[in-house]
Amino acid sequence: GLHRVRTLWRSAQRKAKDRELRQDIEILSQTFSRVMDC
């Protein structure tokens, strides 16, 4: 059960980090596009 809880916790953390990184990438992509347009 502890192993399963840890696995689920890590999975939840990975999903949260994945969302955070995708948002960061989107922001950086928009910033890069604005800089390139400028």
All heavy atoms as atom14 arrays in JSON, in Angstrom:
{
  "sequence": "GLHRVRTLWRSAQRKAKDRELRQDIEILSQTFSRVMDC",
  "atom14_mask": [
    [1, 1, 1, 1, 0, 0, 0, 0, 0, 0, 0, 0, 0, 0],
    [1, 1, 1, 1, 1, 1, 1, 1, 0, 0, 0, 0, 0, 0],
    [1, 1, 1, 1, 1, 1, 1, 1, 1, 1, 0, 0, 0, 0],
    [1, 1, 1, 1, 1, 1, 1, 1, 1, 1, 1, 0, 0, 0],
    [1, 1, 1, 1, 1, 1, 1, 0, 0, 0, 0, 0, 0, 0],
    [1, 1, 1, 1, 1, 1, 1, 1, 1, 1, 1, 0, 0, 0],
    [1, 1, 1, 1, 1, 1, 1, 0, 0, 0, 0, 0, 0, 0],
    [1, 1, 1, 1, 1, 1, 1, 1, 0, 0, 0, 0, 0, 0],
    [1, 1, 1, 1, 1, 1, 1, 1, 1, 1, 1, 1, 1, 1],
    [1, 1, 1, 1, 1, 1, 1, 1, 1, 1, 1, 0, 0, 0],
    [1, 1, 1, 1, 1, 1, 0, 0, 0, 0, 0, 0, 0, 0],
    [1, 1, 1, 1, 1, 0, 0, 0, 0, 0, 0, 0, 0, 0],
    [1, 1, 1, 1, 1, 1, 1, 1, 1, 0, 0, 0, 0, 0],
    [1, 1, 1, 1, 1, 1, 1, 1, 1, 1, 1, 0, 0, 0],
    [1, 1, 1, 1, 1, 1, 1, 1, 1, 0, 0, 0, 0, 0],
    [1, 1, 1, 1, 1, 0, 0, 0, 0, 0, 0, 0, 0, 0],
    [1, 1, 1, 1, 1, 1, 1, 1, 1, 0, 0, 0, 0, 0],
    [1, 1, 1, 1, 1, 1, 1, 1, 0, 0, 0, 0, 0, 0],
    [1, 1, 1, 1, 1, 1, 1, 1, 1, 1, 1, 0, 0, 0],
    [1, 1, 1, 1, 1, 1, 1, 1, 1, 0, 0, 0, 0, 0],
    [1, 1, 1, 1, 1, 1, 1, 1, 0, 0, 0, 0, 0, 0],
    [1, 1, 1, 1, 1, 1, 1, 1, 1, 1, 1, 0, 0, 0],
    [1, 1, 1, 1, 1, 1, 1, 1, 1, 0, 0, 0, 0, 0],
    [1, 1, 1, 1, 1, 1, 1, 1, 0, 0, 0, 0, 0, 0],
    [1, 1, 1, 1, 1, 1, 1, 1, 0, 0, 0, 0, 0, 0],
    [1, 1, 1, 1, 1, 1, 1, 1, 1, 0, 0, 0, 0, 0],
    [1, 1, 1, 1, 1, 1, 1, 1, 0, 0, 0, 0, 0, 0],
    [1, 1, 1, 1, 1, 1, 1, 1, 0, 0, 0, 0, 0, 0],
    [1, 1, 1, 1, 1, 1, 0, 0, 0, 0, 0, 0, 0, 0],
    [1, 1, 1, 1, 1, 1, 1, 1, 1, 0, 0, 0, 0, 0],
    [1, 1, 1, 1, 1, 1, 1, 0, 0, 0, 0, 0, 0, 0],
    [1, 1, 1, 1, 1, 1, 1, 1, 1, 1, 1, 0, 0, 0],
    [1, 1, 1, 1, 1, 1, 0, 0, 0, 0, 0, 0, 0, 0],
    [1, 1, 1, 1, 1, 1, 1, 1, 1, 1, 1, 0, 0, 0],
    [1, 1, 1, 1, 1, 1, 1, 0, 0, 0, 0, 0, 0, 0],
    [1, 1, 1, 1, 1, 1, 1, 1, 0, 0, 0, 0, 0, 0],
    [1, 1, 1, 1, 1, 1, 1, 1, 0, 0, 0, 0, 0, 0],
    [1, 1, 1, 1, 1, 1, 0, 0, 0, 0, 0, 0, 0, 0]
  ],
  "atom14_positions": [
    [[0.82, -1.21, 0.0], [0.0, 0.0, 0.0], [0.85, 1.26, 0.0], [0.57, 2.22, -0.72], [0.0, 0.0, 0.0], [0.0, 0.0, 0.0], [0.0, 0.0, 0.0], [0.0, 0.0, 0.0], [0.0, 0.0, 0.0], [0.0, 0.0, 0.0], [0.0, 0.0, 0.0], [0.0, 0.0, 0.0], [0.0, 0.0, 0.0], [0.0, 0.0, 0.0]],
    [[1.93, 1.24, 0.81], [2.83, 2.39, 0.85], [3.51, 2.59, -0.5], [3.62, 3.72, -0.99], [3.89, 2.17, 1.95], [4.85, 3.33, 2.19], [4.08, 4.58, 2.61], [5.86, 2.95, 3.27], [0.0, 0.0, 0.0], [0.0, 0.0, 0.0], [0.0, 0.0, 0.0], [0.0, 0.0, 0.0], [0.0, 0.0, 0.0], [0.0, 0.0, 0.0]],
    [[3.9, 1.49, -1.12], [4.5, 1.57, -2.46], [3.51, 2.16, -3.45], [3.85, 3.03, -4.27], [4.96, 0.18, -2.91], [5.47, 0.14, -4.31], [6.66, 0.71, -4.67], [4.93, -0.38, -5.44], [6.83, 0.54, -5.98], [5.8, -0.12, -6.46], [0.0, 0.0, 0.0], [0.0, 0.0, 0.0], [0.0, 0.0, 0.0], [0.0, 0.0, 0.0]],
    [[2.26, 1.69, -3.37], [1.23, 2.19, -4.28], [0.97, 3.67, -4.04], [0.82, 4.45, -4.98], [-0.05, 1.38, -4.08], [-1.12, 1.74, -5.07], [-2.16, 0.66, -5.18], [-3.11, 1.04, -6.22], [-4.4, 1.19, -6.03], [-4.92, 0.96, -4.85], [-5.19, 1.55, -7.01], [0.0, 0.0, 0.0], [0.0, 0.0, 0.0], [0.0, 0.0, 0.0]],
    [[0.9, 4.07, -2.76], [0.68, 5.48, -2.43], [1.83, 6.33, -2.97], [1.6, 7.4, -3.56], [0.51, 5.66, -0.9], [0.62, 7.12, -0.5], [-0.82, 5.1, -0.45], [0.0, 0.0, 0.0], [0.0, 0.0, 0.0], [0.0, 0.0, 0.0], [0.0, 0.0, 0.0], [0.0, 0.0, 0.0], [0.0, 0.0, 0.0], [0.0, 0.0, 0.0]],
    [[3.05, 5.86, -2.77], [4.22, 6.61, -3.29], [4.16, 6.71, -4.81], [4.46, 7.77, -5.38], [5.52, 5.93, -2.85], [5.86, 6.18, -1.42], [7.17, 5.52, -1.05], [7.48, 5.75, 0.36], [8.26, 4.98, 1.07], [8.83, 3.92, 0.53], [8.49, 5.26, 2.34], [0.0, 0.0, 0.0], [0.0, 0.0, 0.0], [0.0, 0.0, 0.0]],
    [[3.79, 5.61, -5.46], [3.69, 5.62, -6.92], [2.64, 6.62, -7.38], [2.87, 7.41, -8.3], [3.36, 4.21, -7.44], [4.37, 3.3, -7.0], [3.28, 4.18, -8.95], [0.0, 0.0, 0.0], [0.0, 0.0, 0.0], [0.0, 0.0, 0.0], [0.0, 0.0, 0.0], [0.0, 0.0, 0.0], [0.0, 0.0, 0.0], [0.0, 0.0, 0.0]],
    [[1.48, 6.6, -6.72], [0.42, 7.55, -7.08], [0.84, 8.98, -6.79], [0.55, 9.9, -7.58], [-0.87, 7.21, -6.32], [-1.57, 5.91, -6.74], [-2.71, 5.6, -5.8], [-2.06, 6.02, -8.18], [0.0, 0.0, 0.0], [0.0, 0.0, 0.0], [0.0, 0.0, 0.0], [0.0, 0.0, 0.0], [0.0, 0.0, 0.0], [0.0, 0.0, 0.0]],
    [[1.55, 9.21, -5.68], [2.03, 10.55, -5.32], [3.02, 11.04, -6.37], [2.94, 12.18, -6.83], [2.66, 10.51, -3.93], [3.26, 11.81, -3.54], [4.59, 12.08, -3.35], [2.59, 13.06, -3.29], [4.78, 13.38, -3.01], [3.57, 14.02, -2.96], [1.27, 13.45, -3.32], [3.26, 15.33, -2.66], [0.97, 14.77, -3.02], [1.95, 15.68, -2.69]],
    [[3.94, 10.16, -6.76], [4.92, 10.55, -7.79], [4.21, 10.85, -9.11], [4.57, 11.8, -9.82], [5.95, 9.44, -7.99], [6.94, 9.35, -6.86], [7.96, 8.26, -7.09], [8.81, 8.09, -5.92], [9.22, 6.94, -5.46], [8.88, 5.82, -6.06], [9.99, 6.88, -4.39], [0.0, 0.0, 0.0], [0.0, 0.0, 0.0], [0.0, 0.0, 0.0]],
    [[3.23, 10.03, -9.44], [2.47, 10.26, -10.67], [1.76, 11.61, -10.61], [1.78, 12.37, -11.59], [1.46, 9.13, -10.86], [0.66, 9.37, -11.98], [0.0, 0.0, 0.0], [0.0, 0.0, 0.0], [0.0, 0.0, 0.0], [0.0, 0.0, 0.0], [0.0, 0.0, 0.0], [0.0, 0.0, 0.0], [0.0, 0.0, 0.0], [0.0, 0.0, 0.0]],
    [[1.16, 11.91, -9.47], [0.48, 13.21, -9.31], [1.48, 14.35, -9.42], [1.21, 15.38, -10.06], [-0.26, 13.26, -7.98], [0.0, 0.0, 0.0], [0.0, 0.0, 0.0], [0.0, 0.0, 0.0], [0.0, 0.0, 0.0], [0.0, 0.0, 0.0], [0.0, 0.0, 0.0], [0.0, 0.0, 0.0], [0.0, 0.0, 0.0], [0.0, 0.0, 0.0]],
    [[2.65, 14.18, -8.8], [3.68, 15.23, -8.88], [4.16, 15.39, -10.31], [4.39, 16.52, -10.77], [4.86, 14.87, -7.97], [4.59, 15.1, -6.51], [5.79, 14.76, -5.64], [6.54, 13.84, -5.94], [5.97, 15.52, -4.58], [0.0, 0.0, 0.0], [0.0, 0.0, 0.0], [0.0, 0.0, 0.0], [0.0, 0.0, 0.0], [0.0, 0.0, 0.0]],
    [[4.34, 14.27, -11.03], [4.77, 14.36, -12.44], [3.74, 15.1, -13.27], [4.09, 15.92, -14.11], [4.99, 12.95, -13.01], [6.28, 12.32, -12.59], [6.53, 11.0, -13.32], [7.59, 10.28, -12.67], [7.45, 9.14, -12.05], [6.29, 8.54, -11.99], [8.49, 8.55, -11.47], [0.0, 0.0, 0.0], [0.0, 0.0, 0.0], [0.0, 0.0, 0.0]],
    [[2.46, 14.79, -13.05], [1.41, 15.47, -13.81], [1.41, 16.97, -13.51], [1.3, 17.79, -14.43], [0.04, 14.88, -13.48], [-0.18, 13.52, -14.1], [-1.54, 12.95, -13.73], [-1.71, 11.55, -14.29], [-2.97, 10.95, -13.88], [0.0, 0.0, 0.0], [0.0, 0.0, 0.0], [0.0, 0.0, 0.0], [0.0, 0.0, 0.0], [0.0, 0.0, 0.0]],
    [[1.56, 17.32, -12.24], [1.59, 18.74, -11.87], [2.8, 19.42, -12.5], [2.69, 20.53, -13.05], [1.62, 18.89, -10.35], [0.0, 0.0, 0.0], [0.0, 0.0, 0.0], [0.0, 0.0, 0.0], [0.0, 0.0, 0.0], [0.0, 0.0, 0.0], [0.0, 0.0, 0.0], [0.0, 0.0, 0.0], [0.0, 0.0, 0.0], [0.0, 0.0, 0.0]],
    [[3.96, 18.77, -12.42], [5.18, 19.34, -13.01], [5.04, 19.44, -14.53], [5.49, 20.41, -15.14], [6.39, 18.48, -12.63], [7.71, 19.12, -12.95], [7.92, 20.34, -12.11], [9.33, 20.87, -12.28], [9.55, 22.07, -11.51], [0.0, 0.0, 0.0], [0.0, 0.0, 0.0], [0.0, 0.0, 0.0], [0.0, 0.0, 0.0], [0.0, 0.0, 0.0]],
    [[4.41, 18.43, -15.14], [4.18, 18.44, -16.58], [3.33, 19.65, -16.97], [3.67, 20.38, -17.92], [3.48, 17.14, -16.99], [3.2, 17.07, -18.47], [4.17, 17.11, -19.26], [2.01, 16.98, -18.84], [0.0, 0.0, 0.0], [0.0, 0.0, 0.0], [0.0, 0.0, 0.0], [0.0, 0.0, 0.0], [0.0, 0.0, 0.0], [0.0, 0.0, 0.0]],
    [[2.21, 19.88, -16.22], [1.36, 21.05, -16.5], [2.16, 22.34, -16.34], [2.08, 23.25, -17.17], [0.15, 21.06, -15.57], [-0.97, 20.16, -15.99], [-2.25, 20.44, -15.2], [-2.08, 20.33, -13.77], [-2.21, 19.2, -13.08], [-2.52, 18.08, -13.7], [-2.05, 19.19, -11.78], [0.0, 0.0, 0.0], [0.0, 0.0, 0.0], [0.0, 0.0, 0.0]],
    [[2.94, 22.41, -15.26], [3.73, 23.62, -14.99], [4.74, 23.87, -16.1], [4.87, 24.99, -16.6], [4.45, 23.44, -13.65], [5.27, 24.62, -13.22], [6.0, 24.36, -11.9], [5.42, 23.67, -11.03], [7.13, 24.83, -11.77], [0.0, 0.0, 0.0], [0.0, 0.0, 0.0], [0.0, 0.0, 0.0], [0.0, 0.0, 0.0], [0.0, 0.0, 0.0]],
    [[5.44, 22.82, -16.52], [6.43, 22.97, -17.58], [5.77, 23.34, -18.91], [6.3, 24.15, -19.68], [7.26, 21.7, -17.73], [8.23, 21.41, -16.58], [8.89, 20.05, -16.77], [9.29, 22.49, -16.47], [0.0, 0.0, 0.0], [0.0, 0.0, 0.0], [0.0, 0.0, 0.0], [0.0, 0.0, 0.0], [0.0, 0.0, 0.0], [0.0, 0.0, 0.0]],
    [[4.61, 22.74, -19.18], [3.91, 23.08, -20.43], [3.47, 24.55, -20.42], [3.56, 25.24, -21.43], [2.7, 22.17, -20.64], [3.11, 20.77, -21.04], [1.91, 19.87, -21.34], [2.31, 18.51, -21.53], [2.79, 18.0, -22.66], [2.93, 18.78, -23.7], [3.14, 16.74, -22.74], [0.0, 0.0, 0.0], [0.0, 0.0, 0.0], [0.0, 0.0, 0.0]],
    [[3.02, 25.04, -19.26], [2.65, 26.46, -19.16], [3.89, 27.34, -19.35], [3.83, 28.35, -20.07], [2.01, 26.74, -17.8], [0.62, 26.19, -17.64], [0.07, 26.35, -16.24], [0.79, 26.7, -15.31], [-1.22, 26.06, -16.07], [0.0, 0.0, 0.0], [0.0, 0.0, 0.0], [0.0, 0.0, 0.0], [0.0, 0.0, 0.0], [0.0, 0.0, 0.0]],
    [[5.01, 26.94, -18.73], [6.25, 27.71, -18.9], [6.67, 27.73, -20.36], [7.09, 28.77, -20.89], [7.37, 27.11, -18.04], [7.17, 27.36, -16.55], [6.29, 28.17, -16.19], [7.9, 26.74, -15.75], [0.0, 0.0, 0.0], [0.0, 0.0, 0.0], [0.0, 0.0, 0.0], [0.0, 0.0, 0.0], [0.0, 0.0, 0.0], [0.0, 0.0, 0.0]],
    [[6.57, 26.58, -21.02], [6.95, 26.5, -22.43], [6.03, 27.39, -23.27], [6.5, 28.09, -24.18], [6.92, 25.03, -22.93], [8.09, 24.26, -22.34], [6.94, 24.97, -24.45], [8.05, 22.78, -22.58], [0.0, 0.0, 0.0], [0.0, 0.0, 0.0], [0.0, 0.0, 0.0], [0.0, 0.0, 0.0], [0.0, 0.0, 0.0], [0.0, 0.0, 0.0]],
    [[4.75, 27.38, -22.97], [3.8, 28.23, -23.72], [4.15, 29.71, -23.53], [4.17, 30.47, -24.49], [2.36, 27.94, -23.26], [1.31, 28.71, -24.02], [1.26, 28.37, -25.49], [1.57, 27.23, -25.87], [0.94, 29.27, -26.28], [0.0, 0.0, 0.0], [0.0, 0.0, 0.0], [0.0, 0.0, 0.0], [0.0, 0.0, 0.0], [0.0, 0.0, 0.0]],
    [[4.43, 30.09, -22.29], [4.79, 31.49, -22.0], [6.08, 31.85, -22.72], [6.18, 32.91, -23.37], [4.92, 31.72, -20.48], [3.53, 31.64, -19.83], [5.57, 33.06, -20.18], [3.56, 31.57, -18.32], [0.0, 0.0, 0.0], [0.0, 0.0, 0.0], [0.0, 0.0, 0.0], [0.0, 0.0, 0.0], [0.0, 0.0, 0.0], [0.0, 0.0, 0.0]],
    [[7.07, 30.97, -22.63], [8.35, 31.24, -23.3], [8.18, 31.28, -24.82], [8.81, 32.1, -25.49], [9.39, 30.18, -22.92], [9.89, 30.25, -21.48], [10.77, 29.05, -21.17], [10.64, 31.54, -21.22], [0.0, 0.0, 0.0], [0.0, 0.0, 0.0], [0.0, 0.0, 0.0], [0.0, 0.0, 0.0], [0.0, 0.0, 0.0], [0.0, 0.0, 0.0]],
    [[7.32, 30.42, -25.34], [7.06, 30.42, -26.78], [6.43, 31.74, -27.22], [6.82, 32.33, -28.23], [6.14, 29.25, -27.13], [5.8, 29.28, -28.49], [0.0, 0.0, 0.0], [0.0, 0.0, 0.0], [0.0, 0.0, 0.0], [0.0, 0.0, 0.0], [0.0, 0.0, 0.0], [0.0, 0.0, 0.0], [0.0, 0.0, 0.0], [0.0, 0.0, 0.0]],
    [[5.45, 32.22, -26.44], [4.81, 33.51, -26.77], [5.81, 34.65, -26.66], [5.85, 35.53, -27.52], [3.62, 33.74, -25.84], [2.46, 32.81, -26.09], [1.38, 32.94, -25.04], [1.49, 33.72, -24.1], [0.3, 32.17, -25.19], [0.0, 0.0, 0.0], [0.0, 0.0, 0.0], [0.0, 0.0, 0.0], [0.0, 0.0, 0.0], [0.0, 0.0, 0.0]],
    [[6.63, 34.61, -25.61], [7.65, 35.65, -25.44], [8.63, 35.62, -26.61], [8.98, 36.66, -27.17], [8.41, 35.44, -24.11], [7.47, 35.46, -23.04], [9.44, 36.53, -23.9], [0.0, 0.0, 0.0], [0.0, 0.0, 0.0], [0.0, 0.0, 0.0], [0.0, 0.0, 0.0], [0.0, 0.0, 0.0], [0.0, 0.0, 0.0], [0.0, 0.0, 0.0]],
    [[9.06, 34.41, -27.0], [9.98, 34.27, -28.12], [9.36, 34.81, -29.4], [10.01, 35.51, -30.18], [10.37, 32.79, -28.28], [11.29, 32.54, -29.43], [12.63, 32.85, -29.35], [10.81, 31.97, -30.6], [13.48, 32.62, -30.4], [11.65, 31.73, -31.66], [13.0, 32.05, -31.57], [0.0, 0.0, 0.0], [0.0, 0.0, 0.0], [0.0, 0.0, 0.0]],
    [[8.06, 34.5, -29.61], [7.37, 34.99, -30.81], [7.32, 36.51, -30.82], [7.57, 37.14, -31.86], [5.95, 34.43, -30.87], [5.98, 33.04, -31.05], [0.0, 0.0, 0.0], [0.0, 0.0, 0.0], [0.0, 0.0, 0.0], [0.0, 0.0, 0.0], [0.0, 0.0, 0.0], [0.0, 0.0, 0.0], [0.0, 0.0, 0.0], [0.0, 0.0, 0.0]],
    [[7.02, 37.12, -29.65], [6.99, 38.59, -29.58], [8.36, 39.17, -29.87], [8.49, 40.16, -30.63], [6.5, 39.04, -28.21], [5.01, 38.95, -28.02], [4.54, 39.72, -26.8], [5.18, 39.31, -25.57], [4.76, 38.34, -24.77], [3.68, 37.66, -25.09], [5.41, 38.04, -23.66], [0.0, 0.0, 0.0], [0.0, 0.0, 0.0], [0.0, 0.0, 0.0]],
    [[9.41, 38.58, -29.29], [10.77, 39.08, -29.52], [11.14, 38.94, -30.99], [11.72, 39.85, -31.59], [11.78, 38.33, -28.6], [13.2, 38.61, -29.01], [11.56, 38.71, -27.15], [0.0, 0.0, 0.0], [0.0, 0.0, 0.0], [0.0, 0.0, 0.0], [0.0, 0.0, 0.0], [0.0, 0.0, 0.0], [0.0, 0.0, 0.0], [0.0, 0.0, 0.0]],
    [[10.78, 37.78, -31.59], [11.09, 37.57, -33.01], [10.34, 38.56, -33.89], [10.89, 39.1, -34.84], [10.77, 36.13, -33.42], [11.74, 35.1, -32.87], [13.46, 35.43, -33.28], [13.43, 35.27, -35.03], [0.0, 0.0, 0.0], [0.0, 0.0, 0.0], [0.0, 0.0, 0.0], [0.0, 0.0, 0.0], [0.0, 0.0, 0.0], [0.0, 0.0, 0.0]],
    [[9.06, 38.83, -33.56], [8.29, 39.81, -34.32], [8.93, 41.19, -34.22], [9.05, 41.92, -35.21], [6.84, 39.87, -33.82], [6.05, 38.63, -34.19], [6.49, 37.88, -35.09], [4.98, 38.41, -33.57], [0.0, 0.0, 0.0], [0.0, 0.0, 0.0], [0.0, 0.0, 0.0], [0.0, 0.0, 0.0], [0.0, 0.0, 0.0], [0.0, 0.0, 0.0]],
    [[9.37, 41.55, -33.01], [10.02, 42.85, -32.79], [11.3, 42.93, -33.62], [11.57, 43.93, -34.28], [10.31, 43.03, -31.3], [11.1, 44.59, -30.89], [0.0, 0.0, 0.0], [0.0, 0.0, 0.0], [0.0, 0.0, 0.0], [0.0, 0.0, 0.0], [0.0, 0.0, 0.0], [0.0, 0.0, 0.0], [0.0, 0.0, 0.0], [0.0, 0.0, 0.0]]
  ]
}
